PDB file of N, CA and C in Angstrom:
ATOM      1  N   MET A   1     -66.363 -15.020 103.941  1.00  0.00           N
ATOM      2  CA  MET A   1     -67.568 -15.769 103.644  1.00  0.00           C
ATOM      3  C   MET A   1     -67.219 -17.215 103.245  1.00  0.00           C
ATOM      4  N   LEU A   2     -66.150 -17.397 102.480  1.00  0.00           N
ATOM      5  CA  LEU A   2     -65.729 -18.735 102.101  1.00  0.00           C
ATOM      6  C   LEU A   2     -65.330 -19.553 103.323  1.00  0.00           C
ATOM      7  N   LEU A   3     -64.669 -18.893 104.276  1.00  0.00           N
ATOM      8  CA  LEU A   3     -64.284 -19.580 105.499  1.00  0.00           C
ATOM      9  C   LEU A   3     -65.510 -20.015 106.289  1.00  0.00           C
ATOM     10  N   HIS A   4     -66.532 -19.171 106.313  1.00  0.00           N
ATOM     11  CA  HIS A   4     -67.777 -19.524 107.004  1.00  0.00           C
ATOM     12  C   HIS A   4     -68.434 -20.751 106.358  1.00  0.00           C
ATOM     13  N   MET A   5     -68.428 -20.819 105.043  1.00  0.00           N
ATOM     14  CA  MET A   5     -69.020 -21.971 104.335  1.00  0.00           C
ATOM     15  C   MET A   5     -68.227 -23.243 104.609  1.00  0.00           C
ATOM     16  N   LEU A   6     -66.921 -23.137 104.685  1.00  0.00           N
ATOM     17  CA  LEU A   6     -66.089 -24.307 104.935  1.00  0.00           C
ATOM     18  C   LEU A   6     -66.231 -24.820 106.365  1.00  0.00           C
ATOM     19  N   LEU A   7     -66.522 -23.938 107.292  1.00  0.00           N
ATOM     20  CA  LEU A   7     -66.610 -24.327 108.686  1.00  0.00           C
ATOM     21  C   LEU A   7     -67.996 -24.814 109.089  1.00  0.00           C
ATOM     22  N   GLN A   8     -68.967 -24.733 108.204  1.00  0.00           N
ATOM     23  CA  GLN A   8     -70.300 -25.220 108.530  1.00  0.00           C
ATOM     24  C   GLN A   8     -70.264 -26.725 108.733  1.00  0.00           C
ATOM     25  N   THR A   9     -70.999 -27.176 109.710  1.00  0.00           N
ATOM     26  CA  THR A   9     -71.059 -28.609 109.964  1.00  0.00           C
ATOM     27  C   THR A   9     -72.365 -29.169 109.427  1.00  0.00           C
ATOM     28  N   VAL A  10     -72.320 -30.398 109.050  1.00  0.00           N
ATOM     29  CA  VAL A  10     -73.499 -31.085 108.539  1.00  0.00           C
ATOM     30  C   VAL A  10     -74.051 -31.944 109.667  1.00  0.00           C
ATOM     31  N   SER A  11     -75.351 -31.842 109.892  1.00  0.00           N
ATOM     32  CA  SER A  11     -75.947 -32.626 110.972  1.00  0.00           C
ATOM     33  C   SER A  11     -76.049 -34.094 110.563  1.00  0.00           C
ATOM     34  N   ALA A  12     -76.170 -34.952 111.557  1.00  0.00           N
ATOM     35  CA  ALA A  12     -76.259 -36.387 111.304  1.00  0.00           C
ATOM     36  C   ALA A  12     -77.542 -36.736 110.553  1.00  0.00           C
ATOM     37  N   ALA A  13     -78.621 -36.011 110.812  1.00  0.00           N
ATOM     38  CA  ALA A  13     -79.893 -36.282 110.131  1.00  0.00           C
ATOM     39  C   ALA A  13     -79.791 -35.951 108.644  1.00  0.00           C
ATOM     40  N   ASP A  14     -79.127 -34.832 108.320  1.00  0.00           N
ATOM     41  CA  ASP A  14     -78.952 -34.470 106.918  1.00  0.00           C
ATOM     42  C   ASP A  14     -78.078 -35.493 106.193  1.00  0.00           C
ATOM     43  N   LEU A  15     -77.055 -35.972 106.875  1.00  0.00           N
ATOM     44  CA  LEU A  15     -76.172 -36.969 106.281  1.00  0.00           C
ATOM     45  C   LEU A  15     -76.905 -38.280 106.035  1.00  0.00           C
ATOM     46  N   ALA A  16     -77.735 -38.701 106.988  1.00  0.00           N
ATOM     47  CA  ALA A  16     -78.501 -39.941 106.821  1.00  0.00           C
ATOM     48  C   ALA A  16     -79.510 -39.807 105.695  1.00  0.00           C
ATOM     49  N   LYS A  17     -80.133 -38.650 105.575  1.00  0.00           N
ATOM     50  CA  LYS A  17     -81.100 -38.421 104.502  1.00  0.00           C
ATOM     51  C   LYS A  17     -80.403 -38.467 103.136  1.00  0.00           C
ATOM     52  N   ALA A  18     -79.243 -37.865 103.025  1.00  0.00           N
ATOM     53  CA  ALA A  18     -78.499 -37.875 101.763  1.00  0.00           C
ATOM     54  C   ALA A  18     -78.055 -39.292 101.408  1.00  0.00           C
ATOM     55  N   GLN A  19     -77.639 -40.066 102.417  1.00  0.00           N
ATOM     56  CA  GLN A  19     -77.232 -41.446 102.165  1.00  0.00           C
ATOM     57  C   GLN A  19     -78.399 -42.290 101.685  1.00  0.00           C
ATOM     58  N   THR A  20     -79.555 -42.126 102.296  1.00  0.00           N
ATOM     59  CA  THR A  20     -80.734 -42.887 101.904  1.00  0.00           C
ATOM     60  C   THR A  20     -81.146 -42.541 100.483  1.00  0.00           C
ATOM     61  N   ALA A  21     -81.090 -41.260 100.138  1.00  0.00           N
ATOM     62  CA  ALA A  21     -81.445 -40.834  98.788  1.00  0.00           C
ATOM     63  C   ALA A  21     -80.479 -41.415  97.766  1.00  0.00           C
ATOM     64  N   SER A  22     -79.205 -41.477  98.117  1.00  0.00           N
ATOM     65  CA  SER A  22     -78.241 -42.011  97.161  1.00  0.00           C
ATOM     66  C   SER A  22     -78.428 -43.513  96.965  1.00  0.00           C
ATOM     67  N   TYR A  23     -78.824 -44.238  98.022  1.00  0.00           N
ATOM     68  CA  TYR A  23     -79.098 -45.662  97.860  1.00  0.00           C
ATOM     69  C   TYR A  23     -80.327 -45.873  96.979  1.00  0.00           C
ATOM     70  N   GLY A  24     -81.326 -45.023  97.127  1.00  0.00           N
ATOM     71  CA  GLY A  24     -82.519 -45.113  96.278  1.00  0.00           C
ATOM     72  C   GLY A  24     -82.176 -44.864  94.828  1.00  0.00           C
ATOM     73  N   GLN A  25     -81.321 -43.898  94.571  1.00  0.00           N
ATOM     74  CA  GLN A  25     -80.908 -43.598  93.196  1.00  0.00           C
ATOM     75  C   GLN A  25     -80.086 -44.754  92.620  1.00  0.00           C
ATOM     76  N   LEU A  26     -79.238 -45.345  93.431  1.00  0.00           N
ATOM     77  CA  LEU A  26     -78.444 -46.485  92.977  1.00  0.00           C
ATOM     78  C   LEU A  26     -79.345 -47.662  92.625  1.00  0.00           C
ATOM     79  N   GLY A  27     -80.310 -47.956  93.493  1.00  0.00           N
ATOM     80  CA  GLY A  27     -81.237 -49.050  93.223  1.00  0.00           C
ATOM     81  C   GLY A  27     -82.069 -48.805  91.976  1.00  0.00           C
ATOM     82  N   ALA A  28     -82.527 -47.567  91.784  1.00  0.00           N
ATOM     83  CA  ALA A  28     -83.306 -47.240  90.592  1.00  0.00           C
ATOM     84  C   ALA A  28     -82.454 -47.390  89.336  1.00  0.00           C
ATOM     85  N   GLY A  29     -81.214 -46.969  89.396  1.00  0.00           N
ATOM     86  CA  GLY A  29     -80.329 -47.103  88.241  1.00  0.00           C
ATOM     87  C   GLY A  29     -80.055 -48.559  87.893  1.00  0.00           C
ATOM     88  N   ILE A  30     -79.844 -49.381  88.896  1.00  0.00           N
ATOM     89  CA  ILE A  30     -79.620 -50.808  88.653  1.00  0.00           C
ATOM     90  C   ILE A  30     -80.880 -51.446  88.075  1.00  0.00           C
ATOM     91  N   GLY A  31     -82.042 -51.094  88.630  1.00  0.00           N
ATOM     92  CA  GLY A  31     -83.301 -51.646  88.120  1.00  0.00           C
ATOM     93  C   GLY A  31     -83.563 -51.266  86.679  1.00  0.00           C
ATOM     94  N   ILE A  32     -83.310 -50.009  86.320  1.00  0.00           N
ATOM     95  CA  ILE A  32     -83.508 -49.559  84.941  1.00  0.00           C
ATOM     96  C   ILE A  32     -82.545 -50.288  84.013  1.00  0.00           C
ATOM     97  N   GLY A  33     -81.306 -50.428  84.432  1.00  0.00           N
ATOM     98  CA  GLY A  33     -80.330 -51.137  83.599  1.00  0.00           C
ATOM     99  C   GLY A  33     -80.698 -52.584  83.372  1.00  0.00           C
ATOM    100  N   LEU A  34     -81.146 -53.258  84.421  1.00  0.00           N
ATOM    101  CA  LEU A  34     -81.560 -54.659  84.281  1.00  0.00           C
ATOM    102  C   LEU A  34     -82.787 -54.792  83.380  1.00  0.00           C
ATOM    103  N   ALA A  35     -83.704 -53.841  83.454  1.00  0.00           N
ATOM    104  CA  ALA A  35     -84.895 -53.886  82.596  1.00  0.00           C
ATOM    105  C   ALA A  35     -84.499 -53.753  81.125  1.00  0.00           C
ATOM    106  N   ILE A  36     -83.570 -52.868  80.834  1.00  0.00           N
ATOM    107  CA  ILE A  36     -83.131 -52.662  79.451  1.00  0.00           C
ATOM    108  C   ILE A  36     -82.375 -53.886  78.936  1.00  0.00           C
ATOM    109  N   VAL A  37     -81.479 -54.419  79.748  1.00  0.00           N
ATOM    110  CA  VAL A  37     -80.717 -55.601  79.327  1.00  0.00           C
ATOM    111  C   VAL A  37     -81.646 -56.799  79.120  1.00  0.00           C
ATOM    112  N   GLY A  38     -82.582 -56.989  80.037  1.00  0.00           N
ATOM    113  CA  GLY A  38     -83.535 -58.091  79.905  1.00  0.00           C
ATOM    114  C   GLY A  38     -84.395 -57.967  78.666  1.00  0.00           C
ATOM    115  N   ALA A  39     -84.829 -56.749  78.360  1.00  0.00           N
ATOM    116  CA  ALA A  39     -85.636 -56.538  77.155  1.00  0.00           C
ATOM    117  C   ALA A  39     -84.820 -56.809  75.895  1.00  0.00           C
ATOM    118  N   GLY A  40     -83.573 -56.390  75.895  1.00  0.00           N
ATOM    119  CA  GLY A  40     -82.727 -56.647  74.725  1.00  0.00           C
ATOM    120  C   GLY A  40     -82.502 -58.132  74.495  1.00  0.00           C
ATOM    121  N   ILE A  41     -82.238 -58.862  75.565  1.00  0.00           N
ATOM    122  CA  ILE A  41     -82.047 -60.305  75.438  1.00  0.00           C
ATOM    123  C   ILE A  41     -83.340 -60.975  74.979  1.00  0.00           C
ATOM    124  N   GLY A  42     -84.464 -60.574  75.571  1.00  0.00           N
ATOM    125  CA  GLY A  42     -85.748 -61.167  75.210  1.00  0.00           C
ATOM    126  C   GLY A  42     -86.132 -60.907  73.769  1.00  0.00           C
ATOM    127  N   LEU A  43     -85.955 -59.669  73.309  1.00  0.00           N
ATOM    128  CA  LEU A  43     -86.296 -59.357  71.919  1.00  0.00           C
ATOM    129  C   LEU A  43     -85.374 -60.086  70.945  1.00  0.00           C
ATOM    130  N   GLY A  44     -84.120 -60.214  71.307  1.00  0.00           N
ATOM    131  CA  GLY A  44     -83.199 -60.962  70.453  1.00  0.00           C
ATOM    132  C   GLY A  44     -83.586 -62.428  70.333  1.00  0.00           C
ATOM    133  N   ARG A  45     -83.987 -63.011  71.450  1.00  0.00           N
ATOM    134  CA  ARG A  45     -84.411 -64.420  71.418  1.00  0.00           C
ATOM    135  C   ARG A  45     -85.707 -64.589  70.638  1.00  0.00           C
ATOM    136  N   ILE A  46     -86.643 -63.668  70.800  1.00  0.00           N
ATOM    137  CA  ILE A  46     -87.900 -63.758  70.056  1.00  0.00           C
ATOM    138  C   ILE A  46     -87.623 -63.665  68.561  1.00  0.00           C
ATOM    139  N   GLY A  47     -86.823 -62.697  68.170  1.00  0.00           N
ATOM    140  CA  GLY A  47     -86.503 -62.539  66.743  1.00  0.00           C
ATOM    141  C   GLY A  47     -85.798 -63.757  66.172  1.00  0.00           C
ATOM    142  N   GLY A  48     -84.851 -64.288  66.912  1.00  0.00           N
ATOM    143  CA  GLY A  48     -84.131 -65.463  66.438  1.00  0.00           C
ATOM    144  C   GLY A  48     -85.019 -66.685  66.318  1.00  0.00           C
ATOM    145  N   GLN A  49     -85.865 -66.895  67.287  1.00  0.00           N
ATOM    146  CA  GLN A  49     -86.755 -68.056  67.253  1.00  0.00           C
ATOM    147  C   GLN A  49     -87.805 -67.923  66.156  1.00  0.00           C
ATOM    148  N   VAL A  50     -88.289 -66.707  65.920  1.00  0.00           N
ATOM    149  CA  VAL A  50     -89.257 -66.498  64.837  1.00  0.00           C
ATOM    150  C   VAL A  50     -88.597 -66.778  63.496  1.00  0.00           C
ATOM    151  N   ALA A  51     -87.385 -66.286  63.297  1.00  0.00           N
ATOM    152  CA  ALA A  51     -86.680 -66.539  62.039  1.00  0.00           C
ATOM    153  C   ALA A  51     -86.428 -68.033  61.843  1.00  0.00           C
ATOM    154  N   GLU A  52     -86.055 -68.715  62.904  1.00  0.00           N
ATOM    155  CA  GLU A  52     -85.816 -70.160  62.817  1.00  0.00           C
ATOM    156  C   GLU A  52     -87.109 -70.916  62.510  1.00  0.00           C
ATOM    157  N   ALA A  53     -88.195 -70.514  63.156  1.00  0.00           N
ATOM    158  CA  ALA A  53     -89.477 -71.192  62.911  1.00  0.00           C
ATOM    159  C   ALA A  53     -89.969 -70.965  61.489  1.00  0.00           C
ATOM    160  N   ILE A  54     -89.783 -69.761  60.956  1.00  0.00           N
ATOM    161  CA  ILE A  54     -90.191 -69.486  59.575  1.00  0.00           C
ATOM    162  C   ILE A  54     -89.331 -70.274  58.606  1.00  0.00           C
ATOM    163  N   ALA A  55     -88.043 -70.434  58.930  1.00  0.00           N
ATOM    164  CA  ALA A  55     -87.167 -71.222  58.055  1.00  0.00           C
ATOM    165  C   ALA A  55     -87.574 -72.692  58.061  1.00  0.00           C
ATOM    166  N   ARG A  56     -88.067 -73.198  59.176  1.00  0.00           N
ATOM    167  CA  ARG A  56     -88.480 -74.605  59.243  1.00  0.00           C
ATOM    168  C   ARG A  56     -89.826 -74.842  58.582  1.00  0.00           C
ATOM    169  N   GLN A  57     -90.757 -73.880  58.732  1.00  0.00           N
ATOM    170  CA  GLN A  57     -92.098 -74.033  58.162  1.00  0.00           C
ATOM    171  C   GLN A  57     -92.493 -72.755  57.425  1.00  0.00           C
ATOM    172  N   PRO A  58     -92.052 -72.606  56.200  1.00  0.00           N
ATOM    173  CA  PRO A  58     -92.370 -71.378  55.460  1.00  0.00           C
ATOM    174  C   PRO A  58     -93.867 -71.191  55.195  1.00  0.00           C
ATOM    175  N   GLU A  59     -94.626 -72.267  55.188  1.00  0.00           N
ATOM    176  CA  GLU A  59     -96.064 -72.139  54.912  1.00  0.00           C
ATOM    177  C   GLU A  59     -96.806 -71.506  56.085  1.00  0.00           C
ATOM    178  N   ALA A  60     -96.235 -71.494  57.277  1.00  0.00           N
ATOM    179  CA  ALA A  60     -96.881 -70.916  58.457  1.00  0.00           C
ATOM    180  C   ALA A  60     -96.289 -69.551  58.812  1.00  0.00           C
ATOM    181  N   THR A  61     -95.773 -68.852  57.821  1.00  0.00           N
ATOM    182  CA  THR A  61     -95.084 -67.585  58.063  1.00  0.00           C
ATOM    183  C   THR A  61     -95.977 -66.558  58.754  1.00  0.00           C
ATOM    184  N   ASP A  62     -97.200 -66.406  58.261  1.00  0.00           N
ATOM    185  CA  ASP A  62     -98.090 -65.380  58.820  1.00  0.00           C
ATOM    186  C   ASP A  62     -98.431 -65.654  60.289  1.00  0.00           C
ATOM    187  N   ALA A  63     -98.727 -66.896  60.616  1.00  0.00           N
ATOM    188  CA  ALA A  63     -99.079 -67.241  61.997  1.00  0.00           C
ATOM    189  C   ALA A  63     -97.880 -67.063  62.922  1.00  0.00           C
ATOM    190  N   ILE A  64     -96.711 -67.460  62.464  1.00  0.00           N
ATOM    191  CA  ILE A  64     -95.501 -67.344  63.287  1.00  0.00           C
ATOM    192  C   ILE A  64     -95.141 -65.875  63.489  1.00  0.00           C
ATOM    193  N   ARG A  65     -95.230 -65.095  62.418  1.00  0.00           N
ATOM    194  CA  ARG A  65     -94.907 -63.672  62.521  1.00  0.00           C
ATOM    195  C   ARG A  65     -95.878 -62.971  63.472  1.00  0.00           C
ATOM    196  N   GLY A  66     -97.151 -63.308  63.380  1.00  0.00           N
ATOM    197  CA  GLY A  66     -98.141 -62.699  64.277  1.00  0.00           C
ATOM    198  C   GLY A  66     -97.874 -63.019  65.735  1.00  0.00           C
ATOM    199  N   ALA A  67     -97.540 -64.274  66.014  1.00  0.00           N
ATOM    200  CA  ALA A  67     -97.228 -64.660  67.392  1.00  0.00           C
ATOM    201  C   ALA A  67     -95.964 -63.948  67.886  1.00  0.00           C
ATOM    202  N   GLY A  68     -94.972 -63.826  67.015  1.00  0.00           N
ATOM    203  CA  GLY A  68     -93.729 -63.137  67.398  1.00  0.00           C
ATOM    204  C   GLY A  68     -93.975 -61.674  67.708  1.00  0.00           C
ATOM    205  N   ILE A  69     -94.793 -61.016  66.901  1.00  0.00           N
ATOM    206  CA  ILE A  69     -95.101 -59.612  67.148  1.00  0.00           C
ATOM    207  C   ILE A  69     -95.891 -59.460  68.448  1.00  0.00           C
ATOM    208  N   LEU A  70     -96.814 -60.381  68.707  1.00  0.00           N
ATOM    209  CA  LEU A  70     -97.583 -60.330  69.949  1.00  0.00           C
ATOM    210  C   LEU A  70     -96.667 -60.457  71.170  1.00  0.00           C
ATOM    211  N   PHE A  71     -95.769 -61.437  71.149  1.00  0.00           N
ATOM    212  CA  PHE A  71     -94.856 -61.612  72.280  1.00  0.00           C
ATOM    213  C   PHE A  71     -93.910 -60.424  72.427  1.00  0.00           C
ATOM    214  N   ALA A  72     -93.448 -59.865  71.311  1.00  0.00           N
ATOM    215  CA  ALA A  72     -92.564 -58.698  71.380  1.00  0.00           C
ATOM    216  C   ALA A  72     -93.301 -57.492  71.970  1.00  0.00           C
ATOM    217  N   ALA A  73     -94.558 -57.312  71.605  1.00  0.00           N
ATOM    218  CA  ALA A  73     -95.329 -56.191  72.149  1.00  0.00           C
ATOM    219  C   ALA A  73     -95.557 -56.367  73.647  1.00  0.00           C
ATOM    220  N   LEU A  74     -95.853 -57.588  74.087  1.00  0.00           N
ATOM    221  CA  LEU A  74     -96.023 -57.833  75.517  1.00  0.00           C
ATOM    222  C   LEU A  74     -94.723 -57.581  76.276  1.00  0.00           C
ATOM    223  N   LEU A  75     -93.602 -57.975  75.697  1.00  0.00           N
ATOM    224  CA  LEU A  75     -92.305 -57.744  76.332  1.00  0.00           C
ATOM    225  C   LEU A  75     -92.004 -56.256  76.422  1.00  0.00           C
ATOM    226  N   GLU A  76     -92.288 -55.512  75.367  1.00  0.00           N
ATOM    227  CA  GLU A  76     -92.054 -54.069  75.391  1.00  0.00           C
ATOM    228  C   GLU A  76     -92.940 -53.392  76.430  1.00  0.00           C
ATOM    229  N   GLY A  77     -94.170 -53.852  76.570  1.00  0.00           N
ATOM    230  CA  GLY A  77     -95.069 -53.276  77.570  1.00  0.00           C
ATOM    231  C   GLY A  77     -94.545 -53.462  78.977  1.00  0.00           C
ATOM    232  N   THR A  78     -94.094 -54.660  79.288  1.00  0.00           N
ATOM    233  CA  THR A  78     -93.560 -54.892  80.630  1.00  0.00           C
ATOM    234  C   THR A  78     -92.266 -54.119  80.853  1.00  0.00           C
ATOM    235  N   THR A  79     -91.469 -53.935  79.807  1.00  0.00           N
ATOM    236  CA  THR A  79     -90.240 -53.155  79.939  1.00  0.00           C
ATOM    237  C   THR A  79     -90.548 -51.692  80.221  1.00  0.00           C
ATOM    238  N   ILE A  80     -91.528 -51.149  79.528  1.00  0.00           N
ATOM    239  CA  ILE A  80     -91.899 -49.752  79.761  1.00  0.00           C
ATOM    240  C   ILE A  80     -92.434 -49.573  81.176  1.00  0.00           C
ATOM    241  N   ILE A  81     -93.219 -50.524  81.654  1.00  0.00           N
ATOM    242  CA  ILE A  81     -93.719 -50.443  83.029  1.00  0.00           C
ATOM    243  C   ILE A  81     -92.550 -50.487  84.022  1.00  0.00           C
ATOM    244  N   ALA A  82     -91.570 -51.354  83.783  1.00  0.00           N
ATOM    245  CA  ALA A  82     -90.406 -51.429  84.671  1.00  0.00           C
ATOM    246  C   ALA A  82     -89.621 -50.117  84.650  1.00  0.00           C
ATOM    247  N   LEU A  83     -89.481 -49.503  83.485  1.00  0.00           N
ATOM    248  CA  LEU A  83     -88.764 -48.233  83.403  1.00  0.00           C
ATOM    249  C   LEU A  83     -89.515 -47.117  84.122  1.00  0.00           C
ATOM    250  N   VAL A  84     -90.831 -47.095  83.986  1.00  0.00           N
ATOM    251  CA  VAL A  84     -91.626 -46.070  84.673  1.00  0.00           C
ATOM    252  C   VAL A  84     -91.491 -46.225  86.188  1.00  0.00           C
ATOM    253  N   PHE A  85     -91.576 -47.458  86.685  1.00  0.00           N
ATOM    254  CA  PHE A  85     -91.413 -47.663  88.118  1.00  0.00           C
ATOM    255  C   PHE A  85     -90.005 -47.291  88.574  1.00  0.00           C
ATOM    256  N   GLY A  86     -89.000 -47.633  87.787  1.00  0.00           N
ATOM    257  CA  GLY A  86     -87.626 -47.262  88.140  1.00  0.00           C
ATOM    258  C   GLY A  86     -87.444 -45.755  88.211  1.00  0.00           C
ATOM    259  N   LEU A  87     -87.970 -45.036  87.220  1.00  0.00           N
ATOM    260  CA  LEU A  87     -87.865 -43.583  87.241  1.00  0.00           C
ATOM    261  C   LEU A  87     -88.699 -42.983  88.377  1.00  0.00           C
ATOM    262  N   LEU A  88     -89.828 -43.579  88.656  1.00  0.00           N
ATOM    263  CA  LEU A  88     -90.663 -43.116  89.756  1.00  0.00           C
ATOM    264  C   LEU A  88     -89.908 -43.236  91.080  1.00  0.00           C
ATOM    265  N   PHE A  89     -89.268 -44.371  91.309  1.00  0.00           N
ATOM    266  CA  PHE A  89     -88.512 -44.558  92.540  1.00  0.00           C
ATOM    267  C   PHE A  89     -87.279 -43.651  92.573  1.00  0.00           C
ATOM    268  N   LYS A  90     -86.730 -43.353  91.416  1.00  0.00           N
ATOM    269  CA  LYS A  90     -85.546 -42.499  91.378  1.00  0.00           C
ATOM    270  C   LYS A  90     -85.891 -41.069  91.784  1.00  0.00           C
ATOM    271  N   PHE A  91     -87.012 -40.562  91.303  1.00  0.00           N
ATOM    272  CA  PHE A  91     -87.327 -39.153  91.564  1.00  0.00           C
ATOM    273  C   PHE A  91     -88.158 -38.951  92.834  1.00  0.00           C
ATOM    274  N   VAL A  92     -88.881 -39.976  93.279  1.00  0.00           N
ATOM    275  CA  VAL A  92     -89.728 -39.808  94.464  1.00  0.00           C
ATOM    276  C   VAL A  92     -88.972 -40.184  95.744  1.00  0.00           C
ATOM    277  N   ALA A  93     -88.225 -41.262  95.688  1.00  0.00           N
ATOM    278  CA  ALA A  93     -87.560 -41.761  96.904  1.00  0.00           C
ATOM    279  C   ALA A  93     -86.425 -40.887  97.348  1.00  0.00           C
TER     280      ALA A  93
END
């Protein structure tokens, strides 16, 4: 039985389908990684700029903090959408 399994041939159509699926998985993985890295860089810059702005104008702390939280929430929303699309392409394609 083991010899029979080893001697089975794979058709060209099956090989092409497997190759296409692996390229889709590779693309989805790269897209998810870029989304995470981009979100990390963006959140770091937002936090740093908010801290710098509060240090320059302590009297405007509430307004600056509110704007920073708003931008961070928008960034997180777009990151989650990118991750959902990446996972969708990974499992569907």
